Amino acid sequence: MSRALNKTKDRNKIKSKLQIMWSMRKWSIEYIDWRLTTAYPGGWKYAIKHPLELLNDIWKYLIWCQEIDKDISN
């Protein structure tokens, strides 16, 4: 039973991440530029040159958003 419950939780986490990414499509170019400029020393140029670091940071951001959503709903 716990195996099925874990699969359901994993699906919900993935669904939650997809929902967060879908909502990010509304971000303006100016906002994305500001986020990259404040996160990386070279802004978007640095992010493009270091795609693995960018993907890792995006993943951490999605996890953080899930935690915030979980805290808000509790």
PDB file of N, CA and C in Angstrom:
ATOM      1  N   MET A   1       0.821  -1.194   0.000  1.00  0.00           N
ATOM      2  CA  MET A   1       0.000   0.000   0.000  1.00  0.00           C
ATOM      3  C   MET A   1       0.864   1.258   0.000  1.00  0.00           C
ATOM      4  N   SER A   2       1.949   1.239   0.763  1.00  0.00           N
ATOM      5  CA  SER A   2       2.780   2.429   0.844  1.00  0.00           C
ATOM      6  C   SER A   2       3.486   2.719  -0.483  1.00  0.00           C
ATOM      7  N   ARG A   3       3.740   1.674  -1.255  1.00  0.00           N
ATOM      8  CA  ARG A   3       4.371   1.860  -2.566  1.00  0.00           C
ATOM      9  C   ARG A   3       3.451   2.655  -3.493  1.00  0.00           C
ATOM     10  N   ALA A   4       2.176   2.339  -3.486  1.00  0.00           N
ATOM     11  CA  ALA A   4       1.198   3.068  -4.300  1.00  0.00           C
ATOM     12  C   ALA A   4       1.064   4.500  -3.799  1.00  0.00           C
ATOM     13  N   LEU A   5       1.114   4.688  -2.496  1.00  0.00           N
ATOM     14  CA  LEU A   5       1.017   6.026  -1.921  1.00  0.00           C
ATOM     15  C   LEU A   5       2.222   6.867  -2.314  1.00  0.00           C
ATOM     16  N   ASN A   6       3.411   6.265  -2.321  1.00  0.00           N
ATOM     17  CA  ASN A   6       4.622   6.978  -2.738  1.00  0.00           C
ATOM     18  C   ASN A   6       4.546   7.387  -4.204  1.00  0.00           C
ATOM     19  N   LYS A   7       4.019   6.510  -5.052  1.00  0.00           N
ATOM     20  CA  LYS A   7       3.866   6.842  -6.469  1.00  0.00           C
ATOM     21  C   LYS A   7       2.913   8.009  -6.644  1.00  0.00           C
ATOM     22  N   THR A   8       1.840   8.021  -5.866  1.00  0.00           N
ATOM     23  CA  THR A   8       0.877   9.122  -5.935  1.00  0.00           C
ATOM     24  C   THR A   8       1.529  10.424  -5.494  1.00  0.00           C
ATOM     25  N   LYS A   9       2.304  10.378  -4.425  1.00  0.00           N
ATOM     26  CA  LYS A   9       2.998  11.579  -3.945  1.00  0.00           C
ATOM     27  C   LYS A   9       3.986  12.084  -4.985  1.00  0.00           C
ATOM     28  N   ASP A  10       4.725  11.158  -5.616  1.00  0.00           N
ATOM     29  CA  ASP A  10       5.682  11.545  -6.650  1.00  0.00           C
ATOM     30  C   ASP A  10       4.979  12.202  -7.831  1.00  0.00           C
ATOM     31  N   ARG A  11       3.845  11.632  -8.234  1.00  0.00           N
ATOM     32  CA  ARG A  11       3.076  12.226  -9.339  1.00  0.00           C
ATOM     33  C   ARG A  11       2.593  13.618  -8.977  1.00  0.00           C
ATOM     34  N   ASN A  12       2.151  13.789  -7.727  1.00  0.00           N
ATOM     35  CA  ASN A  12       1.684  15.106  -7.288  1.00  0.00           C
ATOM     36  C   ASN A  12       2.814  16.123  -7.278  1.00  0.00           C
ATOM     37  N   LYS A  13       4.015  15.693  -6.895  1.00  0.00           N
ATOM     38  CA  LYS A  13       5.163  16.596  -6.894  1.00  0.00           C
ATOM     39  C   LYS A  13       5.515  17.018  -8.314  1.00  0.00           C
ATOM     40  N   ILE A  14       5.489  16.062  -9.234  1.00  0.00           N
ATOM     41  CA  ILE A  14       5.788  16.377 -10.631  1.00  0.00           C
ATOM     42  C   ILE A  14       4.715  17.301 -11.199  1.00  0.00           C
ATOM     43  N   LYS A  15       3.458  16.992 -10.901  1.00  0.00           N
ATOM     44  CA  LYS A  15       2.354  17.835 -11.372  1.00  0.00           C
ATOM     45  C   LYS A  15       2.501  19.248 -10.823  1.00  0.00           C
ATOM     46  N   SER A  16       2.877  19.351  -9.557  1.00  0.00           N
ATOM     47  CA  SER A  16       3.066  20.657  -8.939  1.00  0.00           C
ATOM     48  C   SER A  16       4.182  21.436  -9.635  1.00  0.00           C
ATOM     49  N   LYS A  17       5.295  20.768  -9.932  1.00  0.00           N
ATOM     50  CA  LYS A  17       6.402  21.436 -10.626  1.00  0.00           C
ATOM     51  C   LYS A  17       5.975  21.906 -12.013  1.00  0.00           C
ATOM     52  N   LEU A  18       5.211  21.072 -12.708  1.00  0.00           N
ATOM     53  CA  LEU A  18       4.725  21.468 -14.032  1.00  0.00           C
ATOM     54  C   LEU A  18       3.789  22.672 -13.943  1.00  0.00           C
ATOM     55  N   GLN A  19       2.957  22.698 -12.931  1.00  0.00           N
ATOM     56  CA  GLN A  19       2.061  23.841 -12.744  1.00  0.00           C
ATOM     57  C   GLN A  19       2.852  25.113 -12.463  1.00  0.00           C
ATOM     58  N   ILE A  20       3.890  25.006 -11.666  1.00  0.00           N
ATOM     59  CA  ILE A  20       4.733  26.167 -11.362  1.00  0.00           C
ATOM     60  C   ILE A  20       5.435  26.647 -12.630  1.00  0.00           C
ATOM     61  N   MET A  21       5.990  25.704 -13.400  1.00  0.00           N
ATOM     62  CA  MET A  21       6.658  26.093 -14.650  1.00  0.00           C
ATOM     63  C   MET A  21       5.666  26.736 -15.615  1.00  0.00           C
ATOM     64  N   TRP A  22       4.464  26.211 -15.667  1.00  0.00           N
ATOM     65  CA  TRP A  22       3.443  26.774 -16.552  1.00  0.00           C
ATOM     66  C   TRP A  22       3.112  28.210 -16.138  1.00  0.00           C
ATOM     67  N   SER A  23       3.057  28.481 -14.846  1.00  0.00           N
ATOM     68  CA  SER A  23       2.763  29.842 -14.392  1.00  0.00           C
ATOM     69  C   SER A  23       3.923  30.799 -14.684  1.00  0.00           C
ATOM     70  N   MET A  24       5.139  30.265 -14.794  1.00  0.00           N
ATOM     71  CA  MET A  24       6.311  31.100 -15.078  1.00  0.00           C
ATOM     72  C   MET A  24       6.283  31.653 -16.505  1.00  0.00           C
ATOM     73  N   ARG A  25       5.464  31.095 -17.366  1.00  0.00           N
ATOM     74  CA  ARG A  25       5.395  31.579 -18.752  1.00  0.00           C
ATOM     75  C   ARG A  25       4.888  33.013 -18.811  1.00  0.00           C
ATOM     76  N   LYS A  26       4.234  33.462 -17.763  1.00  0.00           N
ATOM     77  CA  LYS A  26       3.684  34.815 -17.722  1.00  0.00           C
ATOM     78  C   LYS A  26       4.730  35.863 -17.327  1.00  0.00           C
ATOM     79  N   TRP A  27       5.906  35.415 -16.922  1.00  0.00           N
ATOM     80  CA  TRP A  27       6.939  36.356 -16.516  1.00  0.00           C
ATOM     81  C   TRP A  27       7.380  37.194 -17.709  1.00  0.00           C
ATOM     82  N   SER A  28       7.571  38.475 -17.483  1.00  0.00           N
ATOM     83  CA  SER A  28       8.040  39.355 -18.558  1.00  0.00           C
ATOM     84  C   SER A  28       9.539  39.144 -18.790  1.00  0.00           C
ATOM     85  N   ILE A  29       9.991  39.526 -19.958  1.00  0.00           N
ATOM     86  CA  ILE A  29      11.422  39.436 -20.290  1.00  0.00           C
ATOM     87  C   ILE A  29      12.234  40.292 -19.315  1.00  0.00           C
ATOM     88  N   GLU A  30      11.709  41.442 -18.956  1.00  0.00           N
ATOM     89  CA  GLU A  30      12.413  42.330 -18.025  1.00  0.00           C
ATOM     90  C   GLU A  30      12.588  41.656 -16.664  1.00  0.00           C
ATOM     91  N   TYR A  31      11.544  40.959 -16.203  1.00  0.00           N
ATOM     92  CA  TYR A  31      11.624  40.271 -14.916  1.00  0.00           C
ATOM     93  C   TYR A  31      12.633  39.126 -14.973  1.00  0.00           C
ATOM     94  N   ILE A  32      12.607  38.356 -16.040  1.00  0.00           N
ATOM     95  CA  ILE A  32      13.571  37.256 -16.196  1.00  0.00           C
ATOM     96  C   ILE A  32      14.987  37.807 -16.237  1.00  0.00           C
ATOM     97  N   ASP A  33      15.184  38.894 -16.973  1.00  0.00           N
ATOM     98  CA  ASP A  33      16.501  39.530 -17.034  1.00  0.00           C
ATOM     99  C   ASP A  33      16.951  39.982 -15.650  1.00  0.00           C
ATOM    100  N   TRP A  34      16.037  40.587 -14.889  1.00  0.00           N
ATOM    101  CA  TRP A  34      16.369  41.033 -13.534  1.00  0.00           C
ATOM    102  C   TRP A  34      16.736  39.849 -12.651  1.00  0.00           C
ATOM    103  N   ARG A  35      15.957  38.738 -12.750  1.00  0.00           N
ATOM    104  CA  ARG A  35      16.238  37.549 -11.944  1.00  0.00           C
ATOM    105  C   ARG A  35      17.620  36.984 -12.268  1.00  0.00           C
ATOM    106  N   LEU A  36      17.951  36.898 -13.554  1.00  0.00           N
ATOM    107  CA  LEU A  36      19.255  36.358 -13.949  1.00  0.00           C
ATOM    108  C   LEU A  36      20.386  37.292 -13.552  1.00  0.00           C
ATOM    109  N   THR A  37      20.156  38.597 -13.657  1.00  0.00           N
ATOM    110  CA  THR A  37      21.183  39.575 -13.289  1.00  0.00           C
ATOM    111  C   THR A  37      21.480  39.529 -11.796  1.00  0.00           C
ATOM    112  N   THR A  38      20.445  39.341 -10.976  1.00  0.00           N
ATOM    113  CA  THR A  38      20.673  39.287  -9.531  1.00  0.00           C
ATOM    114  C   THR A  38      21.194  37.924  -9.080  1.00  0.00           C
ATOM    115  N   ALA A  39      20.946  36.878  -9.863  1.00  0.00           N
ATOM    116  CA  ALA A  39      21.369  35.535  -9.464  1.00  0.00           C
ATOM    117  C   ALA A  39      22.788  35.187  -9.905  1.00  0.00           C
ATOM    118  N   TYR A  40      23.212  35.734 -11.043  1.00  0.00           N
ATOM    119  CA  TYR A  40      24.502  35.364 -11.615  1.00  0.00           C
ATOM    120  C   TYR A  40      25.341  36.599 -11.889  1.00  0.00           C
ATOM    121  N   PRO A  41      26.663  36.472 -11.758  1.00  0.00           N
ATOM    122  CA  PRO A  41      27.542  37.627 -11.955  1.00  0.00           C
ATOM    123  C   PRO A  41      27.457  38.232 -13.360  1.00  0.00           C
ATOM    124  N   GLY A  42      27.234  37.410 -14.366  1.00  0.00           N
ATOM    125  CA  GLY A  42      27.164  37.911 -15.734  1.00  0.00           C
ATOM    126  C   GLY A  42      25.760  37.936 -16.304  1.00  0.00           C
ATOM    127  N   GLY A  43      24.762  37.758 -15.447  1.00  0.00           N
ATOM    128  CA  GLY A  43      23.375  37.782 -15.905  1.00  0.00           C
ATOM    129  C   GLY A  43      23.046  36.630 -16.836  1.00  0.00           C
ATOM    130  N   TRP A  44      22.251  36.923 -17.858  1.00  0.00           N
ATOM    131  CA  TRP A  44      21.785  35.875 -18.771  1.00  0.00           C
ATOM    132  C   TRP A  44      22.920  35.259 -19.568  1.00  0.00           C
ATOM    133  N   LYS A  45      23.989  36.039 -19.834  1.00  0.00           N
ATOM    134  CA  LYS A  45      25.132  35.483 -20.571  1.00  0.00           C
ATOM    135  C   LYS A  45      25.803  34.363 -19.762  1.00  0.00           C
ATOM    136  N   TYR A  46      25.933  34.593 -18.473  1.00  0.00           N
ATOM    137  CA  TYR A  46      26.503  33.571 -17.596  1.00  0.00           C
ATOM    138  C   TYR A  46      25.604  32.341 -17.580  1.00  0.00           C
ATOM    139  N   ALA A  47      24.291  32.556 -17.491  1.00  0.00           N
ATOM    140  CA  ALA A  47      23.337  31.448 -17.441  1.00  0.00           C
ATOM    141  C   ALA A  47      23.418  30.602 -18.708  1.00  0.00           C
ATOM    142  N   ILE A  48      23.573  31.243 -19.847  1.00  0.00           N
ATOM    143  CA  ILE A  48      23.669  30.509 -21.119  1.00  0.00           C
ATOM    144  C   ILE A  48      24.967  29.713 -21.189  1.00  0.00           C
ATOM    145  N   LYS A  49      26.035  30.286 -20.666  1.00  0.00           N
ATOM    146  CA  LYS A  49      27.327  29.595 -20.698  1.00  0.00           C
ATOM    147  C   LYS A  49      27.414  28.458 -19.682  1.00  0.00           C
ATOM    148  N   HIS A  50      26.516  28.456 -18.686  1.00  0.00           N
ATOM    149  CA  HIS A  50      26.528  27.441 -17.632  1.00  0.00           C
ATOM    150  C   HIS A  50      25.133  26.815 -17.499  1.00  0.00           C
ATOM    151  N   PRO A  51      24.683  26.080 -18.534  1.00  0.00           N
ATOM    152  CA  PRO A  51      23.305  25.567 -18.525  1.00  0.00           C
ATOM    153  C   PRO A  51      23.022  24.557 -17.409  1.00  0.00           C
ATOM    154  N   LEU A  52      23.997  23.759 -17.029  1.00  0.00           N
ATOM    155  CA  LEU A  52      23.756  22.793 -15.948  1.00  0.00           C
ATOM    156  C   LEU A  52      23.519  23.496 -14.625  1.00  0.00           C
ATOM    157  N   GLU A  53      24.280  24.538 -14.372  1.00  0.00           N
ATOM    158  CA  GLU A  53      24.080  25.316 -13.153  1.00  0.00           C
ATOM    159  C   GLU A  53      22.694  25.984 -13.176  1.00  0.00           C
ATOM    160  N   LEU A  54      22.319  26.506 -14.335  1.00  0.00           N
ATOM    161  CA  LEU A  54      21.000  27.136 -14.477  1.00  0.00           C
ATOM    162  C   LEU A  54      19.887  26.118 -14.220  1.00  0.00           C
ATOM    163  N   LEU A  55      19.988  24.944 -14.825  1.00  0.00           N
ATOM    164  CA  LEU A  55      18.966  23.912 -14.616  1.00  0.00           C
ATOM    165  C   LEU A  55      18.904  23.465 -13.166  1.00  0.00           C
ATOM    166  N   ASN A  56      20.045  23.332 -12.538  1.00  0.00           N
ATOM    167  CA  ASN A  56      20.085  22.961 -11.129  1.00  0.00           C
ATOM    168  C   ASN A  56      19.409  24.037 -10.276  1.00  0.00           C
ATOM    169  N   ASP A  57      19.681  25.288 -10.563  1.00  0.00           N
ATOM    170  CA  ASP A  57      19.063  26.381  -9.820  1.00  0.00           C
ATOM    171  C   ASP A  57      17.553  26.464 -10.060  1.00  0.00           C
ATOM    172  N   ILE A  58      17.131  26.207 -11.283  1.00  0.00           N
ATOM    173  CA  ILE A  58      15.695  26.199 -11.581  1.00  0.00           C
ATOM    174  C   ILE A  58      15.021  25.076 -10.794  1.00  0.00           C
ATOM    175  N   TRP A  59      15.650  23.906 -10.753  1.00  0.00           N
ATOM    176  CA  TRP A  59      15.096  22.773 -10.013  1.00  0.00           C
ATOM    177  C   TRP A  59      14.960  23.119  -8.529  1.00  0.00           C
ATOM    178  N   LYS A  60      16.003  23.744  -7.962  1.00  0.00           N
ATOM    179  CA  LYS A  60      15.952  24.156  -6.560  1.00  0.00           C
ATOM    180  C   LYS A  60      14.852  25.190  -6.337  1.00  0.00           C
ATOM    181  N   TYR A  61      14.663  26.087  -7.299  1.00  0.00           N
ATOM    182  CA  TYR A  61      13.607  27.098  -7.203  1.00  0.00           C
ATOM    183  C   TYR A  61      12.226  26.428  -7.209  1.00  0.00           C
ATOM    184  N   LEU A  62      12.039  25.437  -8.056  1.00  0.00           N
ATOM    185  CA  LEU A  62      10.758  24.725  -8.111  1.00  0.00           C
ATOM    186  C   LEU A  62      10.473  24.010  -6.796  1.00  0.00           C
ATOM    187  N   ILE A  63      11.490  23.387  -6.225  1.00  0.00           N
ATOM    188  CA  ILE A  63      11.327  22.723  -4.922  1.00  0.00           C
ATOM    189  C   ILE A  63      10.967  23.753  -3.862  1.00  0.00           C
ATOM    190  N   TRP A  64      11.621  24.903  -3.880  1.00  0.00           N
ATOM    191  CA  TRP A  64      11.329  25.971  -2.926  1.00  0.00           C
ATOM    192  C   TRP A  64       9.881  26.442  -3.077  1.00  0.00           C
ATOM    193  N   CYS A  65       9.432  26.610  -4.317  1.00  0.00           N
ATOM    194  CA  CYS A  65       8.047  27.032  -4.557  1.00  0.00           C
ATOM    195  C   CYS A  65       7.065  26.003  -4.011  1.00  0.00           C
ATOM    196  N   GLN A  66       7.369  24.726  -4.185  1.00  0.00           N
ATOM    197  CA  GLN A  66       6.506  23.679  -3.648  1.00  0.00           C
ATOM    198  C   GLN A  66       6.427  23.756  -2.131  1.00  0.00           C
ATOM    199  N   GLU A  67       7.552  23.999  -1.487  1.00  0.00           N
ATOM    200  CA  GLU A  67       7.563  24.112  -0.029  1.00  0.00           C
ATOM    201  C   GLU A  67       6.729  25.306   0.433  1.00  0.00           C
ATOM    202  N   ILE A  68       6.862  26.421  -0.264  1.00  0.00           N
ATOM    203  CA  ILE A  68       6.077  27.606   0.085  1.00  0.00           C
ATOM    204  C   ILE A  68       4.594  27.321  -0.102  1.00  0.00           C
ATOM    205  N   ASP A  69       4.234  26.697  -1.225  1.00  0.00           N
ATOM    206  CA  ASP A  69       2.834  26.348  -1.465  1.00  0.00           C
ATOM    207  C   ASP A  69       2.294  25.419  -0.387  1.00  0.00           C
ATOM    208  N   LYS A  70       3.134  24.459   0.022  1.00  0.00           N
ATOM    209  CA  LYS A  70       2.719  23.516   1.066  1.00  0.00           C
ATOM    210  C   LYS A  70       2.503  24.256   2.392  1.00  0.00           C
ATOM    211  N   ASP A  71       3.393  25.190   2.722  1.00  0.00           N
ATOM    212  CA  ASP A  71       3.257  25.965   3.956  1.00  0.00           C
ATOM    213  C   ASP A  71       2.013  26.850   3.923  1.00  0.00           C
ATOM    214  N   ILE A  72       1.731  27.434   2.774  1.00  0.00           N
ATOM    215  CA  ILE A  72       0.570  28.324   2.643  1.00  0.00           C
ATOM    216  C   ILE A  72      -0.729  27.534   2.805  1.00  0.00           C
ATOM    217  N   SER A  73      -0.762  26.327   2.229  1.00  0.00           N
ATOM    218  CA  SER A  73      -1.997  25.549   2.275  1.00  0.00           C
ATOM    219  C   SER A  73      -2.236  24.880   3.627  1.00  0.00           C
ATOM    220  N   ASN A  74      -1.223  24.829   4.473  1.00  0.00           N
ATOM    221  CA  ASN A  74      -1.391  24.224   5.817  1.00  0.00           C
ATOM    222  C   ASN A  74      -1.890  25.199   6.805  1.00  0.00           C
TER     223      ASN A  74
END
